[in-house]
Amino acid sequence: MPFIPSRVKYRKAQRGRRKGLAVAGSRVSFGEYGLRALEPAWLKNNQLETIRVALSRALRREGKYWLRVFSDKPISKKPQETRMGKGKGDIAFWVATIRRGQVVFEIGGVPREYAQEICRNIAHKLSFRTMFVERAHL
């Protein structure tokens, strides 16, 4: 399951800005535990696939996981040793824009210690700092 959209309105996108706090997706909504980003970043589609594989292997049949981000932003690159100009480059990869405070994924149906261990293992695969969070029971 590649993490790229099947259709997009525009083929190439501008880079945009990653500053500011995440408004949507900053709380654990589906599971009991999650991993929250502490700094802004781009999460590439192959990193998302790595997270998915690691989660499914760690959980097997015990728990459930929810990926809260999707790589829907195309990033273009010009070929090496190409002169300036002649338009924007071809799409090199897809990214999900992660803002500070956004929950990247959630886990449910497993003990707290096991969920912490899974999150620690996955945090090593990410290129930004993260924090283990629990659902706020009201």
N, C-alpha and C. Protein backbone atom coordinates (compact mmCIF):
# COMPACT_ATOMS: atom_id res chain seq x y z
N MET A 1 0.84 -1.18 0.00
CA MET A 1 0.00 0.00 0.00
C MET A 1 0.89 1.25 0.00
N PRO A 2 1.16 1.82 -1.16
CA PRO A 2 2.00 3.01 -1.17
C PRO A 2 1.24 4.21 -0.62
N PHE A 3 1.96 5.08 0.07
CA PHE A 3 1.33 6.25 0.67
C PHE A 3 1.43 7.45 -0.26
N ILE A 4 0.83 7.29 -1.46
CA ILE A 4 0.72 8.41 -2.38
C ILE A 4 -0.72 8.51 -2.83
N PRO A 5 -1.22 9.70 -3.09
CA PRO A 5 -2.61 9.83 -3.49
C PRO A 5 -2.85 9.28 -4.89
N SER A 6 -4.04 8.76 -5.12
CA SER A 6 -4.38 8.21 -6.43
C SER A 6 -4.59 9.34 -7.45
N ARG A 7 -5.17 10.46 -7.00
CA ARG A 7 -5.36 11.61 -7.87
C ARG A 7 -5.05 12.88 -7.09
N VAL A 8 -4.53 13.89 -7.78
CA VAL A 8 -4.33 15.20 -7.15
C VAL A 8 -4.86 16.27 -8.10
N LYS A 9 -5.29 17.39 -7.52
CA LYS A 9 -5.81 18.47 -8.34
C LYS A 9 -4.69 19.14 -9.12
N TYR A 10 -3.55 19.35 -8.44
CA TYR A 10 -2.38 19.96 -9.09
C TYR A 10 -1.20 19.03 -8.97
N ARG A 11 -0.47 18.88 -10.09
CA ARG A 11 0.62 17.92 -10.17
C ARG A 11 1.80 18.28 -9.28
N LYS A 12 2.13 19.58 -9.21
CA LYS A 12 3.26 20.04 -8.43
C LYS A 12 2.80 21.08 -7.42
N ALA A 13 3.38 21.03 -6.22
CA ALA A 13 2.97 21.95 -5.16
C ALA A 13 4.15 22.82 -4.74
N GLN A 14 3.84 23.96 -4.12
CA GLN A 14 4.87 24.80 -3.55
C GLN A 14 5.30 24.23 -2.21
N ARG A 15 6.47 24.65 -1.73
CA ARG A 15 7.04 24.05 -0.52
C ARG A 15 6.23 24.35 0.74
N GLY A 16 5.71 25.56 0.87
CA GLY A 16 4.91 25.91 2.03
C GLY A 16 5.76 26.13 3.27
N ARG A 17 5.08 26.35 4.41
CA ARG A 17 5.75 26.60 5.68
C ARG A 17 5.27 25.59 6.70
N ARG A 18 6.18 25.21 7.60
CA ARG A 18 5.84 24.22 8.61
C ARG A 18 5.75 24.81 10.01
N LYS A 19 5.86 26.13 10.11
CA LYS A 19 5.85 26.74 11.43
C LYS A 19 4.46 26.70 12.05
N GLY A 20 4.40 26.85 13.36
CA GLY A 20 3.13 26.89 14.06
C GLY A 20 2.75 25.54 14.65
N LEU A 21 1.75 25.57 15.51
CA LEU A 21 1.26 24.36 16.18
C LEU A 21 0.19 23.68 15.36
N ALA A 22 0.09 22.36 15.52
CA ALA A 22 -0.97 21.61 14.86
C ALA A 22 -2.28 21.89 15.57
N VAL A 23 -3.28 22.29 14.82
CA VAL A 23 -4.59 22.53 15.41
C VAL A 23 -5.38 21.23 15.35
N ALA A 24 -5.52 20.68 14.17
CA ALA A 24 -6.21 19.41 14.03
C ALA A 24 -5.21 18.27 14.25
N GLY A 25 -5.69 17.18 14.81
CA GLY A 25 -4.84 16.00 14.98
C GLY A 25 -3.82 16.11 16.08
N SER A 26 -4.10 16.92 17.10
CA SER A 26 -3.14 17.08 18.19
C SER A 26 -3.51 16.26 19.42
N ARG A 27 -4.64 15.55 19.37
CA ARG A 27 -5.08 14.72 20.49
C ARG A 27 -5.16 13.26 20.07
N VAL A 28 -5.01 12.37 21.04
CA VAL A 28 -5.20 10.94 20.79
C VAL A 28 -6.71 10.70 20.75
N SER A 29 -7.22 10.33 19.58
CA SER A 29 -8.67 10.25 19.39
C SER A 29 -9.19 8.83 19.22
N PHE A 30 -8.40 7.95 18.59
CA PHE A 30 -8.89 6.62 18.25
C PHE A 30 -8.39 5.55 19.21
N GLY A 31 -7.08 5.54 19.49
CA GLY A 31 -6.50 4.53 20.37
C GLY A 31 -6.35 5.05 21.79
N GLU A 32 -5.47 4.38 22.55
CA GLU A 32 -5.21 4.80 23.92
C GLU A 32 -3.87 5.53 24.05
N TYR A 33 -2.91 5.22 23.15
CA TYR A 33 -1.59 5.80 23.21
C TYR A 33 -1.20 6.29 21.83
N GLY A 34 -0.27 7.24 21.79
CA GLY A 34 0.17 7.76 20.51
C GLY A 34 1.56 8.34 20.58
N LEU A 35 2.05 8.78 19.42
CA LEU A 35 3.36 9.42 19.30
C LEU A 35 3.14 10.80 18.72
N ARG A 36 3.52 11.82 19.50
CA ARG A 36 3.30 13.21 19.11
C ARG A 36 4.62 13.84 18.66
N ALA A 37 4.57 14.60 17.58
CA ALA A 37 5.75 15.29 17.06
C ALA A 37 6.05 16.52 17.92
N LEU A 38 7.33 16.71 18.24
CA LEU A 38 7.75 17.86 19.04
C LEU A 38 8.37 18.96 18.18
N GLU A 39 8.54 18.70 16.90
CA GLU A 39 9.10 19.70 15.99
C GLU A 39 8.52 19.47 14.60
N PRO A 40 8.49 20.52 13.76
CA PRO A 40 7.94 20.35 12.42
C PRO A 40 8.87 19.54 11.53
N ALA A 41 8.29 18.80 10.59
CA ALA A 41 9.09 17.97 9.69
C ALA A 41 8.28 17.56 8.48
N TRP A 42 8.98 16.99 7.52
CA TRP A 42 8.34 16.31 6.40
C TRP A 42 8.54 14.82 6.62
N LEU A 43 7.47 14.06 6.54
CA LEU A 43 7.53 12.60 6.69
C LEU A 43 7.33 12.00 5.31
N LYS A 44 8.39 11.38 4.78
CA LYS A 44 8.33 10.83 3.41
C LYS A 44 7.46 9.58 3.36
N ASN A 45 6.99 9.25 2.16
CA ASN A 45 6.09 8.10 2.02
C ASN A 45 6.78 6.79 2.37
N ASN A 46 8.09 6.66 2.13
CA ASN A 46 8.77 5.43 2.50
C ASN A 46 8.94 5.32 4.01
N GLN A 47 9.06 6.46 4.71
CA GLN A 47 9.11 6.43 6.17
C GLN A 47 7.76 6.00 6.74
N LEU A 48 6.68 6.47 6.12
CA LEU A 48 5.34 6.06 6.55
C LEU A 48 5.13 4.56 6.37
N GLU A 49 5.62 4.03 5.27
CA GLU A 49 5.51 2.58 5.02
C GLU A 49 6.33 1.81 6.05
N THR A 50 7.50 2.32 6.42
CA THR A 50 8.32 1.68 7.44
C THR A 50 7.60 1.66 8.79
N ILE A 51 6.94 2.77 9.13
CA ILE A 51 6.16 2.84 10.37
C ILE A 51 5.03 1.80 10.34
N ARG A 52 4.34 1.73 9.21
CA ARG A 52 3.21 0.79 9.09
C ARG A 52 3.68 -0.65 9.27
N VAL A 53 4.78 -1.02 8.62
CA VAL A 53 5.31 -2.38 8.73
C VAL A 53 5.74 -2.67 10.16
N ALA A 54 6.44 -1.72 10.80
CA ALA A 54 6.91 -1.92 12.17
C ALA A 54 5.73 -2.07 13.13
N LEU A 55 4.68 -1.27 12.94
CA LEU A 55 3.50 -1.37 13.80
C LEU A 55 2.78 -2.70 13.63
N SER A 56 2.59 -3.11 12.39
CA SER A 56 1.86 -4.36 12.15
C SER A 56 2.65 -5.57 12.66
N ARG A 57 3.98 -5.51 12.59
CA ARG A 57 4.80 -6.61 13.10
C ARG A 57 4.80 -6.63 14.62
N ALA A 58 4.85 -5.46 15.23
CA ALA A 58 4.89 -5.39 16.69
C ALA A 58 3.55 -5.79 17.31
N LEU A 59 2.47 -5.40 16.68
CA LEU A 59 1.15 -5.65 17.26
C LEU A 59 0.60 -7.02 16.89
N ARG A 60 0.97 -7.54 15.71
CA ARG A 60 0.42 -8.81 15.22
C ARG A 60 -1.10 -8.82 15.33
N ARG A 61 -1.65 -9.60 16.25
CA ARG A 61 -3.12 -9.69 16.36
C ARG A 61 -3.65 -9.12 17.67
N GLU A 62 -2.74 -8.63 18.53
CA GLU A 62 -3.17 -8.18 19.85
C GLU A 62 -3.91 -6.85 19.81
N GLY A 63 -3.28 -5.84 19.23
CA GLY A 63 -3.85 -4.50 19.26
C GLY A 63 -4.21 -3.99 17.88
N LYS A 64 -4.47 -2.70 17.85
CA LYS A 64 -4.83 -2.04 16.60
C LYS A 64 -4.05 -0.74 16.51
N TYR A 65 -3.77 -0.29 15.28
CA TYR A 65 -3.05 0.97 15.11
C TYR A 65 -3.78 1.85 14.11
N TRP A 66 -3.57 3.14 14.25
CA TRP A 66 -4.14 4.14 13.36
C TRP A 66 -3.03 5.08 12.92
N LEU A 67 -2.80 5.19 11.61
CA LEU A 67 -1.86 6.17 11.08
C LEU A 67 -2.65 7.45 10.86
N ARG A 68 -2.24 8.53 11.50
CA ARG A 68 -3.00 9.78 11.47
C ARG A 68 -2.52 10.75 10.40
N VAL A 69 -1.48 10.38 9.64
CA VAL A 69 -0.95 11.28 8.61
C VAL A 69 -0.92 10.54 7.27
N PHE A 70 -0.90 11.31 6.20
CA PHE A 70 -0.84 10.75 4.85
C PHE A 70 0.03 11.66 3.99
N SER A 71 0.88 11.06 3.19
CA SER A 71 1.78 11.86 2.34
C SER A 71 1.04 12.30 1.08
N ASP A 72 0.58 13.54 1.09
CA ASP A 72 -0.22 14.06 -0.02
C ASP A 72 0.43 15.27 -0.68
N LYS A 73 1.69 15.57 -0.34
CA LYS A 73 2.35 16.74 -0.90
C LYS A 73 3.50 16.28 -1.80
N PRO A 74 3.46 16.61 -3.10
CA PRO A 74 4.55 16.21 -3.99
C PRO A 74 5.74 17.15 -3.84
N ILE A 75 6.93 16.57 -3.79
CA ILE A 75 8.17 17.35 -3.71
C ILE A 75 8.94 17.10 -5.00
N SER A 76 9.26 18.19 -5.70
CA SER A 76 9.95 18.05 -6.99
C SER A 76 11.44 18.32 -6.82
N LYS A 77 12.22 17.75 -7.70
CA LYS A 77 13.67 17.94 -7.67
C LYS A 77 14.18 18.01 -9.11
N LYS A 78 15.14 18.90 -9.32
CA LYS A 78 15.78 18.96 -10.63
C LYS A 78 16.92 17.95 -10.65
N PRO A 79 17.23 17.39 -11.81
CA PRO A 79 18.34 16.42 -11.88
C PRO A 79 19.68 17.05 -11.50
N GLN A 80 20.62 16.20 -11.10
CA GLN A 80 21.96 16.66 -10.75
C GLN A 80 22.64 17.29 -11.98
N GLU A 81 23.44 18.31 -11.74
CA GLU A 81 24.23 18.98 -12.78
C GLU A 81 23.36 19.52 -13.92
N THR A 82 22.22 20.08 -13.55
CA THR A 82 21.33 20.71 -14.53
C THR A 82 21.41 22.22 -14.35
N ARG A 83 21.45 22.95 -15.45
CA ARG A 83 21.51 24.40 -15.38
C ARG A 83 20.19 24.97 -14.86
N MET A 84 20.28 26.21 -14.36
CA MET A 84 19.10 26.89 -13.83
C MET A 84 18.08 27.14 -14.94
N GLY A 85 16.82 27.26 -14.51
CA GLY A 85 15.76 27.58 -15.46
C GLY A 85 15.13 26.33 -16.04
N LYS A 86 14.41 26.50 -17.14
CA LYS A 86 13.72 25.41 -17.85
C LYS A 86 12.66 24.72 -17.00
N GLY A 87 12.03 25.51 -16.14
CA GLY A 87 10.87 25.00 -15.42
C GLY A 87 11.18 24.23 -14.15
N LYS A 88 10.11 23.84 -13.49
CA LYS A 88 10.21 23.11 -12.23
C LYS A 88 10.54 21.65 -12.51
N GLY A 89 11.27 21.01 -11.60
CA GLY A 89 11.70 19.63 -11.79
C GLY A 89 10.57 18.63 -11.66
N ASP A 90 10.88 17.38 -11.91
CA ASP A 90 9.89 16.30 -11.79
C ASP A 90 9.70 15.92 -10.33
N ILE A 91 8.58 15.26 -10.05
CA ILE A 91 8.28 14.84 -8.68
C ILE A 91 9.24 13.74 -8.27
N ALA A 92 9.93 13.97 -7.14
CA ALA A 92 10.91 13.00 -6.64
C ALA A 92 10.29 12.08 -5.59
N PHE A 93 9.47 12.66 -4.69
CA PHE A 93 8.83 11.86 -3.65
C PHE A 93 7.64 12.62 -3.09
N TRP A 94 6.90 11.97 -2.21
CA TRP A 94 5.72 12.55 -1.58
C TRP A 94 5.97 12.65 -0.08
N VAL A 95 5.45 13.72 0.55
CA VAL A 95 5.65 13.90 1.98
C VAL A 95 4.32 14.25 2.67
N ALA A 96 4.29 13.96 3.96
CA ALA A 96 3.22 14.44 4.83
C ALA A 96 3.83 15.57 5.65
N THR A 97 3.16 16.71 5.69
CA THR A 97 3.66 17.84 6.46
C THR A 97 3.27 17.65 7.93
N ILE A 98 4.28 17.52 8.80
CA ILE A 98 4.04 17.31 10.22
C ILE A 98 4.29 18.63 10.94
N ARG A 99 3.30 19.08 11.69
CA ARG A 99 3.46 20.29 12.50
C ARG A 99 3.74 19.91 13.94
N ARG A 100 4.26 20.85 14.69
CA ARG A 100 4.57 20.60 16.09
C ARG A 100 3.28 20.31 16.86
N GLY A 101 3.26 19.22 17.61
CA GLY A 101 2.09 18.84 18.40
C GLY A 101 1.16 17.87 17.72
N GLN A 102 1.44 17.48 16.49
CA GLN A 102 0.56 16.57 15.76
C GLN A 102 0.83 15.12 16.15
N VAL A 103 -0.24 14.35 16.32
CA VAL A 103 -0.11 12.93 16.63
C VAL A 103 0.09 12.18 15.32
N VAL A 104 1.21 11.45 15.21
CA VAL A 104 1.57 10.77 13.96
C VAL A 104 0.81 9.46 13.83
N PHE A 105 0.77 8.66 14.90
CA PHE A 105 0.01 7.41 14.89
C PHE A 105 -0.49 7.11 16.29
N GLU A 106 -1.45 6.18 16.37
CA GLU A 106 -2.03 5.78 17.65
C GLU A 106 -2.08 4.27 17.75
N ILE A 107 -2.05 3.78 18.99
CA ILE A 107 -2.11 2.34 19.27
C ILE A 107 -3.20 2.11 20.30
N GLY A 108 -3.89 0.99 20.18
CA GLY A 108 -4.90 0.62 21.16
C GLY A 108 -4.91 -0.88 21.38
N GLY A 109 -5.41 -1.29 22.54
CA GLY A 109 -5.59 -2.71 22.83
C GLY A 109 -4.35 -3.42 23.33
N VAL A 110 -3.33 -2.68 23.79
CA VAL A 110 -2.12 -3.29 24.34
C VAL A 110 -1.79 -2.61 25.67
N PRO A 111 -1.01 -3.29 26.54
CA PRO A 111 -0.61 -2.66 27.80
C PRO A 111 0.27 -1.43 27.58
N ARG A 112 0.28 -0.54 28.57
CA ARG A 112 1.01 0.72 28.47
C ARG A 112 2.50 0.52 28.22
N GLU A 113 3.12 -0.42 28.95
CA GLU A 113 4.56 -0.63 28.81
C GLU A 113 4.91 -1.11 27.40
N TYR A 114 4.08 -1.99 26.86
CA TYR A 114 4.33 -2.51 25.52
C TYR A 114 4.15 -1.40 24.48
N ALA A 115 3.15 -0.56 24.68
CA ALA A 115 2.92 0.57 23.77
C ALA A 115 4.09 1.54 23.81
N GLN A 116 4.65 1.77 25.00
CA GLN A 116 5.81 2.66 25.12
C GLN A 116 7.02 2.08 24.38
N GLU A 117 7.20 0.77 24.49
CA GLU A 117 8.32 0.11 23.81
C GLU A 117 8.18 0.23 22.29
N ILE A 118 6.95 0.00 21.79
CA ILE A 118 6.69 0.12 20.35
C ILE A 118 6.98 1.55 19.88
N CYS A 119 6.48 2.53 20.62
CA CYS A 119 6.68 3.94 20.24
C CYS A 119 8.16 4.32 20.27
N ARG A 120 8.91 3.79 21.25
CA ARG A 120 10.33 4.09 21.32
C ARG A 120 11.06 3.53 20.10
N ASN A 121 10.69 2.30 19.69
CA ASN A 121 11.33 1.68 18.52
C ASN A 121 11.02 2.45 17.25
N ILE A 122 9.80 2.92 17.12
CA ILE A 122 9.42 3.66 15.91
C ILE A 122 10.00 5.07 15.91
N ALA A 123 10.15 5.67 17.09
CA ALA A 123 10.72 7.01 17.18
C ALA A 123 12.15 7.04 16.65
N HIS A 124 12.86 5.91 16.76
CA HIS A 124 14.22 5.84 16.23
C HIS A 124 14.24 5.90 14.71
N LYS A 125 13.15 5.52 14.07
CA LYS A 125 13.07 5.50 12.61
C LYS A 125 12.67 6.87 12.04
N LEU A 126 12.26 7.79 12.90
CA LEU A 126 11.79 9.09 12.45
C LEU A 126 12.90 10.13 12.50
N SER A 127 12.76 11.17 11.67
CA SER A 127 13.79 12.20 11.57
C SER A 127 13.49 13.42 12.43
N PHE A 128 12.54 13.31 13.35
CA PHE A 128 12.19 14.43 14.23
C PHE A 128 11.93 13.90 15.64
N ARG A 129 12.01 14.79 16.63
CA ARG A 129 11.80 14.40 18.02
C ARG A 129 10.32 14.16 18.28
N THR A 130 10.03 13.16 19.10
CA THR A 130 8.65 12.80 19.40
C THR A 130 8.46 12.59 20.90
N MET A 131 7.19 12.43 21.29
CA MET A 131 6.85 12.23 22.69
C MET A 131 5.71 11.22 22.78
N PHE A 132 5.80 10.30 23.73
CA PHE A 132 4.75 9.32 23.96
C PHE A 132 3.60 10.01 24.68
N VAL A 133 2.38 9.86 24.16
CA VAL A 133 1.21 10.51 24.78
C VAL A 133 0.11 9.48 25.02
N GLU A 134 -0.72 9.78 26.03
CA GLU A 134 -1.86 8.93 26.36
C GLU A 134 -3.14 9.69 26.08
N ARG A 135 -4.22 8.94 25.95
CA ARG A 135 -5.53 9.56 25.73
C ARG A 135 -5.98 10.25 27.02
N ALA A 136 -6.50 11.43 26.89
CA ALA A 136 -7.01 12.17 28.05
C ALA A 136 -8.43 11.71 28.34
N HIS A 137 -8.60 10.94 29.42
CA HIS A 137 -9.93 10.45 29.78
C HIS A 137 -10.66 11.53 30.57
N LEU A 138 -11.80 11.90 30.06
CA LEU A 138 -12.57 12.98 30.70
C LEU A 138 -13.54 12.43 31.72
